[in-house]
C-alpha atoms as a PDB file:
ATOM      1  CA  MET A   1     -93.070-151.203  46.436  1.00  0.00           C
ATOM      2  CA  ARG A   2     -94.356-147.813  48.578  1.00  0.00           C
ATOM      3  CA  GLU A   3     -94.390-147.537  52.189  1.00  0.00           C
ATOM      4  CA  PHE A   4     -98.064-148.528  53.729  1.00  0.00           C
ATOM      5  CA  LYS A   5     -98.984-145.323  55.575  1.00  0.00           C
ATOM      6  CA  SER A   6    -101.697-147.027  58.338  1.00  0.00           C
ATOM      7  CA  ASN A   7    -100.105-145.843  62.106  1.00  0.00           C
ATOM      8  CA  HIS A   8    -103.732-148.679  62.751  1.00  0.00           C
ATOM      9  CA  ILE A   9    -102.138-151.530  61.057  1.00  0.00           C
ATOM     10  CA  ARG A  10     -98.456-150.455  62.581  1.00  0.00           C
ATOM     11  CA  PHE A  11     -99.791-150.287  65.973  1.00  0.00           C
ATOM     12  CA  ALA A  12    -101.924-153.955  66.293  1.00  0.00           C
ATOM     13  CA  LEU A  13     -98.870-155.180  64.779  1.00  0.00           C
ATOM     14  CA  GLU A  14     -96.109-154.116  66.591  1.00  0.00           C
ATOM     15  CA  HIS A  15     -99.178-154.652  69.916  1.00  0.00           C
ATOM     16  CA  ALA A  16     -99.823-158.128  68.652  1.00  0.00           C
ATOM     17  CA  PHE A  17     -96.384-159.101  68.105  1.00  0.00           C
ATOM     18  CA  GLY A  18     -94.124-157.186  70.428  1.00  0.00           C
ATOM     19  CA  PHE A  19     -91.534-155.578  68.036  1.00  0.00           C
ATOM     20  CA  GLY A  20     -91.555-153.029  70.781  1.00  0.00           C
ATOM     21  CA  GLU A  21     -87.916-151.200  70.366  1.00  0.00           C
ATOM     22  CA  ARG A  22     -86.810-153.297  67.216  1.00  0.00           C
ATOM     23  CA  GLY A  23     -89.395-151.172  65.179  1.00  0.00           C
ATOM     24  CA  LEU A  24     -91.729-152.528  62.403  1.00  0.00           C
ATOM     25  CA  ARG A  25     -91.444-151.283  58.736  1.00  0.00           C
ATOM     26  CA  LEU A  26     -94.587-152.324  56.703  1.00  0.00           C
ATOM     27  CA  VAL A  27     -94.822-151.607  52.930  1.00  0.00           C
ATOM     28  CA  ALA A  28     -97.349-152.155  50.423  1.00  0.00           C
ATOM     29  CA  ALA A  29     -97.388-152.715  46.479  1.00  0.00           C
ATOM     30  CA  ALA A  30     -98.268-149.789  44.376  1.00  0.00           C
ATOM     31  CA  ALA A  31     -99.899-152.273  41.287  1.00  0.00           C
ATOM     32  CA  SER A  32    -103.376-151.909  40.481  1.00  0.00           C
ATOM     33  CA  ARG A  33    -105.973-153.961  42.234  1.00  0.00           C
ATOM     34  CA  LYS A  34    -109.649-153.747  43.292  1.00  0.00           C
ATOM     35  CA  ALA A  35    -110.585-151.716  46.367  1.00  0.00           C
ATOM     36  CA  ASN A  36    -111.202-154.833  48.626  1.00  0.00           C
ATOM     37  CA  ASN A  37    -108.524-157.321  47.919  1.00  0.00           C
ATOM     38  CA  PRO A  38    -105.335-156.678  49.991  1.00  0.00           C
ATOM     39  CA  PRO A  39    -101.941-155.206  48.229  1.00  0.00           C
ATOM     40  CA  ASN A  40     -98.831-157.605  48.069  1.00  0.00           C
ATOM     41  CA  THR A  41     -97.255-155.989  51.534  1.00  0.00           C
ATOM     42  CA  ARG A  42     -93.765-156.304  52.784  1.00  0.00           C
ATOM     43  CA  LEU A  43     -93.145-156.393  57.105  1.00  0.00           C
ATOM     44  CA  GLU A  44     -89.741-155.739  57.707  1.00  0.00           C
ATOM     45  CA  VAL A  45     -88.125-156.061  61.199  1.00  0.00           C
ATOM     46  CA  GLY A  46     -84.614-155.488  62.253  1.00  0.00           C
ATOM     47  CA  GLY A  47     -82.617-156.843  59.228  1.00  0.00           C
ATOM     48  CA  TYR A  48     -85.368-159.513  58.168  1.00  0.00           C
ATOM     49  CA  ILE A  49     -88.176-158.469  55.649  1.00  0.00           C
ATOM     50  CA  ALA A  50     -91.307-160.916  54.667  1.00  0.00           C
ATOM     51  CA  ASP A  51     -93.146-160.612  51.925  1.00  0.00           C
ATOM     52  CA  ILE A  52     -96.668-161.208  51.693  1.00  0.00           C
ATOM     53  CA  LEU A  53     -98.063-161.880  48.267  1.00  0.00           C
ATOM     54  CA  VAL A  54    -101.939-162.677  47.277  1.00  0.00           C
ATOM     55  CA  ASP A  55    -102.384-165.280  44.244  1.00  0.00           C
ATOM     56  CA  ARG A  56    -105.813-164.521  42.412  1.00  0.00           C
ATOM     57  CA  ARG A  57    -104.980-167.057  40.226  1.00  0.00           C
ATOM     58  CA  HIS A  58    -107.103-170.161  42.351  1.00  0.00           C
ATOM     59  CA  PRO A  59    -110.950-169.436  42.465  1.00  0.00           C
ATOM     60  CA  SER A  60    -110.234-168.458  46.166  1.00  0.00           C
ATOM     61  CA  ALA A  61    -106.631-165.933  47.135  1.00  0.00           C
ATOM     62  CA  ILE A  62    -103.963-167.869  47.949  1.00  0.00           C
ATOM     63  CA  CYS A  63    -101.689-166.094  50.555  1.00  0.00           C
ATOM     64  CA  HIS A  64     -97.822-166.491  49.977  1.00  0.00           C
ATOM     65  CA  TRP A  65     -95.425-165.633  52.542  1.00  0.00           C
ATOM     66  CA  ILE A  66     -91.299-165.351  52.088  1.00  0.00           C
ATOM     67  CA  VAL A  67     -88.943-164.704  55.051  1.00  0.00           C
ATOM     68  CA  GLN A  68     -85.440-163.543  54.226  1.00  0.00           C
ATOM     69  CA  LYS A  69     -82.497-161.502  55.503  1.00  0.00           C
ATOM     70  CA  VAL A  70     -82.329-158.009  53.888  1.00  0.00           C
ATOM     71  CA  GLY A  71     -79.926-158.280  51.102  1.00  0.00           C
ATOM     72  CA  SER A  72     -79.919-161.883  50.782  1.00  0.00           C
ATOM     73  CA  ALA A  73     -81.468-164.678  48.224  1.00  0.00           C
ATOM     74  CA  GLU A  74     -81.978-167.183  50.831  1.00  0.00           C
ATOM     75  CA  ILE A  75     -85.293-167.609  51.657  1.00  0.00           C
ATOM     76  CA  LEU A  76     -85.481-168.650  55.643  1.00  0.00           C
ATOM     77  CA  GLN A  77     -88.870-169.830  55.616  1.00  0.00           C
ATOM     78  CA  TRP A  78     -92.373-169.639  53.203  1.00  0.00           C
ATOM     79  CA  GLY A  79     -95.653-170.577  54.158  1.00  0.00           C
ATOM     80  CA  GLN A  80     -99.115-170.428  52.197  1.00  0.00           C
ATOM     81  CA  GLU A  81    -102.579-169.441  54.299  1.00  0.00           C
ATOM     82  CA  THR A  82    -105.919-169.030  53.309  1.00  0.00           C
ATOM     83  CA  THR A  83    -106.317-165.413  53.919  1.00  0.00           C
ATOM     84  CA  PHE A  84    -104.324-162.519  53.954  1.00  0.00           C
ATOM     85  CA  ASP A  85    -104.658-162.229  57.979  1.00  0.00           C
ATOM     86  CA  GLU A  86    -103.229-165.472  58.467  1.00  0.00           C
ATOM     87  CA  ALA A  87    -100.397-164.589  55.929  1.00  0.00           C
ATOM     88  CA  ILE A  88     -99.820-161.673  58.656  1.00  0.00           C
ATOM     89  CA  ALA A  89     -99.709-163.298  61.171  1.00  0.00           C
ATOM     90  CA  ALA A  90     -97.749-166.527  60.606  1.00  0.00           C
ATOM     91  CA  ALA A  91     -95.219-163.969  58.960  1.00  0.00           C
ATOM     92  CA  GLY A  92     -95.376-161.636  61.551  1.00  0.00           C
ATOM     93  CA  GLY A  93     -94.803-164.313  64.304  1.00  0.00           C
ATOM     94  CA  TYR A  94     -91.693-165.825  62.680  1.00  0.00           C
ATOM     95  CA  LEU A  95     -89.846-162.347  62.375  1.00  0.00           C
ATOM     96  CA  ARG A  96     -90.925-161.958  65.836  1.00  0.00           C
ATOM     97  CA  ASP A  97     -89.311-165.224  66.562  1.00  0.00           C
ATOM     98  CA  LEU A  98     -86.189-163.981  64.116  1.00  0.00           C
ATOM     99  CA  ALA A  99     -85.593-160.242  66.059  1.00  0.00           C
ATOM    100  CA  GLN A 100     -85.926-162.286  69.661  1.00  0.00           C
ATOM    101  CA  LYS A 101     -83.336-164.421  68.890  1.00  0.00           C
ATOM    102  CA  ALA A 102     -80.895-161.913  67.278  1.00  0.00           C
ATOM    103  CA  PRO A 103     -78.064-160.133  69.024  1.00  0.00           C
ATOM    104  CA  LYS A 104     -79.270-156.662  70.175  1.00  0.00           C
ATOM    105  CA  LEU A 105     -76.913-153.731  69.017  1.00  0.00           C
ATOM    106  CA  GLY A 106     -75.689-151.103  71.144  1.00  0.00           C
END
């Protein structure tokens, strides 16, 4: 995956989910895709990641999201949504909740 360079999307997610000082890192897959299809995407907050994967095997795309702690194979939460925006919102909301519960360092 490569880092996604959209300040507009980053600002919108940080504002919508209140990531603030904990920071948000948005990463998109470099795989070939149609121009109007969203890329597979990774959100990173603190020590947690959420991958959003678009499954196009069905007549309408299904967007899966998986939340894990960085470096761990354990899945903390997962879900599927009917749109990419809904998957971003669901995964981002779960990451926000984890970030709020995590102890602050320093």
